[in-house]
Amino acid sequence: MKDIKNITVNYDNDNTKVVEKGLVIDFGKLDNDEGDVCFNMCNIKGKDLHLIVNAVVALAQELGMLDEEERDTD
């Protein structure tokens, strides 16, 4: 397995940003129409992953997405 050296973000105004430490989540489709999720990590360690998970949950709470999920199951 090859390690990811960096991640390049290309903006619609033609600017770019090189990320030396981060995570890209690639959502695709499998042949059977089930979701395919691929996690591409660049210089991420265990403690970083813990921070990522907590930050994503906090973002979902801030955006009210967790409340929305509860309403959808009622």
C-alpha atoms as a PDB file:
ATOM      1  CA  MET A   1       0.000   0.000   0.000  1.00  0.00           C
ATOM      2  CA  LYS A   2       1.279   3.440  -0.914  1.00  0.00           C
ATOM      3  CA  ASP A   3       1.041   6.281   1.581  1.00  0.00           C
ATOM      4  CA  ILE A   4      -0.708   9.473   0.488  1.00  0.00           C
ATOM      5  CA  LYS A   5       1.825  12.325   0.461  1.00  0.00           C
ATOM      6  CA  ASN A   6      -0.693  15.196   0.270  1.00  0.00           C
ATOM      7  CA  ILE A   7      -4.151  16.131  -0.957  1.00  0.00           C
ATOM      8  CA  THR A   8      -4.722  18.887  -3.512  1.00  0.00           C
ATOM      9  CA  VAL A   9      -7.964  20.882  -3.435  1.00  0.00           C
ATOM     10  CA  ASN A  10      -8.913  22.638  -6.673  1.00  0.00           C
ATOM     11  CA  TYR A  11     -11.323  25.569  -6.337  1.00  0.00           C
ATOM     12  CA  ASP A  12     -13.668  26.818  -9.054  1.00  0.00           C
ATOM     13  CA  ASN A  13     -11.715  30.112  -9.214  1.00  0.00           C
ATOM     14  CA  ASP A  14      -8.625  28.096 -10.297  1.00  0.00           C
ATOM     15  CA  ASN A  15      -6.913  28.449  -6.909  1.00  0.00           C
ATOM     16  CA  THR A  16      -5.469  25.336  -5.308  1.00  0.00           C
ATOM     17  CA  LYS A  17      -4.566  24.315  -1.783  1.00  0.00           C
ATOM     18  CA  VAL A  18      -2.225  21.487  -0.836  1.00  0.00           C
ATOM     19  CA  VAL A  19      -3.255  19.724   2.386  1.00  0.00           C
ATOM     20  CA  GLU A  20      -0.403  17.929   4.160  1.00  0.00           C
ATOM     21  CA  LYS A  21      -2.628  16.361   6.829  1.00  0.00           C
ATOM     22  CA  GLY A  22      -6.274  15.562   6.249  1.00  0.00           C
ATOM     23  CA  LEU A  23      -9.021  13.239   5.130  1.00  0.00           C
ATOM     24  CA  VAL A  24     -10.961  12.889   1.891  1.00  0.00           C
ATOM     25  CA  ILE A  25     -14.136  10.804   1.826  1.00  0.00           C
ATOM     26  CA  ASP A  26     -15.033   9.527  -1.635  1.00  0.00           C
ATOM     27  CA  PHE A  27     -18.653   8.485  -2.143  1.00  0.00           C
ATOM     28  CA  GLY A  28     -19.277   6.222  -5.104  1.00  0.00           C
ATOM     29  CA  LYS A  29     -21.578   3.461  -6.265  1.00  0.00           C
ATOM     30  CA  LEU A  30     -20.965  -0.244  -6.436  1.00  0.00           C
ATOM     31  CA  ASP A  31     -22.377  -2.454  -9.186  1.00  0.00           C
ATOM     32  CA  ASN A  32     -25.251  -3.526  -6.915  1.00  0.00           C
ATOM     33  CA  ASP A  33     -26.325   0.121  -6.301  1.00  0.00           C
ATOM     34  CA  GLU A  34     -25.104   0.047  -2.715  1.00  0.00           C
ATOM     35  CA  GLY A  35     -23.072   2.982  -1.510  1.00  0.00           C
ATOM     36  CA  ASP A  36     -19.307   2.740  -1.642  1.00  0.00           C
ATOM     37  CA  VAL A  37     -17.347   4.921   0.764  1.00  0.00           C
ATOM     38  CA  CYS A  38     -13.569   5.243   0.506  1.00  0.00           C
ATOM     39  CA  PHE A  39     -11.514   7.047   3.145  1.00  0.00           C
ATOM     40  CA  ASN A  40      -8.257   8.573   1.902  1.00  0.00           C
ATOM     41  CA  MET A  41      -6.103   9.724   4.813  1.00  0.00           C
ATOM     42  CA  CYS A  42      -2.943  11.777   4.659  1.00  0.00           C
ATOM     43  CA  ASN A  43      -0.715  11.692   7.770  1.00  0.00           C
ATOM     44  CA  ILE A  44      -3.640  10.831  10.080  1.00  0.00           C
ATOM     45  CA  LYS A  45      -2.931   9.042  13.357  1.00  0.00           C
ATOM     46  CA  GLY A  46      -5.335   7.494  15.887  1.00  0.00           C
ATOM     47  CA  LYS A  47      -5.778  10.655  17.960  1.00  0.00           C
ATOM     48  CA  ASP A  48      -6.499  12.614  14.772  1.00  0.00           C
ATOM     49  CA  LEU A  49      -9.229  10.168  13.795  1.00  0.00           C
ATOM     50  CA  HIS A  50     -10.826  10.624  17.224  1.00  0.00           C
ATOM     51  CA  LEU A  51     -10.815  14.405  16.668  1.00  0.00           C
ATOM     52  CA  ILE A  52     -12.303  13.988  13.172  1.00  0.00           C
ATOM     53  CA  VAL A  53     -15.180  11.840  14.437  1.00  0.00           C
ATOM     54  CA  ASN A  54     -15.983  14.259  17.264  1.00  0.00           C
ATOM     55  CA  ALA A  55     -15.800  17.260  14.917  1.00  0.00           C
ATOM     56  CA  VAL A  56     -18.152  15.655  12.384  1.00  0.00           C
ATOM     57  CA  VAL A  57     -20.673  14.761  15.099  1.00  0.00           C
ATOM     58  CA  ALA A  58     -20.460  18.326  16.479  1.00  0.00           C
ATOM     59  CA  LEU A  59     -21.018  19.731  12.970  1.00  0.00           C
ATOM     60  CA  ALA A  60     -24.050  17.477  12.469  1.00  0.00           C
ATOM     61  CA  GLN A  61     -25.485  18.672  15.789  1.00  0.00           C
ATOM     62  CA  GLU A  62     -24.818  22.312  14.917  1.00  0.00           C
ATOM     63  CA  LEU A  63     -26.586  21.882  11.581  1.00  0.00           C
ATOM     64  CA  GLY A  64     -29.520  20.122  13.245  1.00  0.00           C
ATOM     65  CA  MET A  65     -28.956  16.982  11.187  1.00  0.00           C
ATOM     66  CA  LEU A  66     -29.090  14.588  14.133  1.00  0.00           C
ATOM     67  CA  ASP A  67     -32.487  15.935  15.204  1.00  0.00           C
ATOM     68  CA  GLU A  68     -33.672  15.538  11.623  1.00  0.00           C
ATOM     69  CA  GLU A  69     -32.633  11.862  11.626  1.00  0.00           C
ATOM     70  CA  GLU A  70     -34.642  11.262  14.791  1.00  0.00           C
ATOM     71  CA  ARG A  71     -37.714  12.889  13.196  1.00  0.00           C
ATOM     72  CA  ASP A  72     -37.351  10.712  10.080  1.00  0.00           C
ATOM     73  CA  THR A  73     -37.594   7.497  12.123  1.00  0.00           C
ATOM     74  CA  ASP A  74     -40.782   8.452  13.980  1.00  0.00           C
END
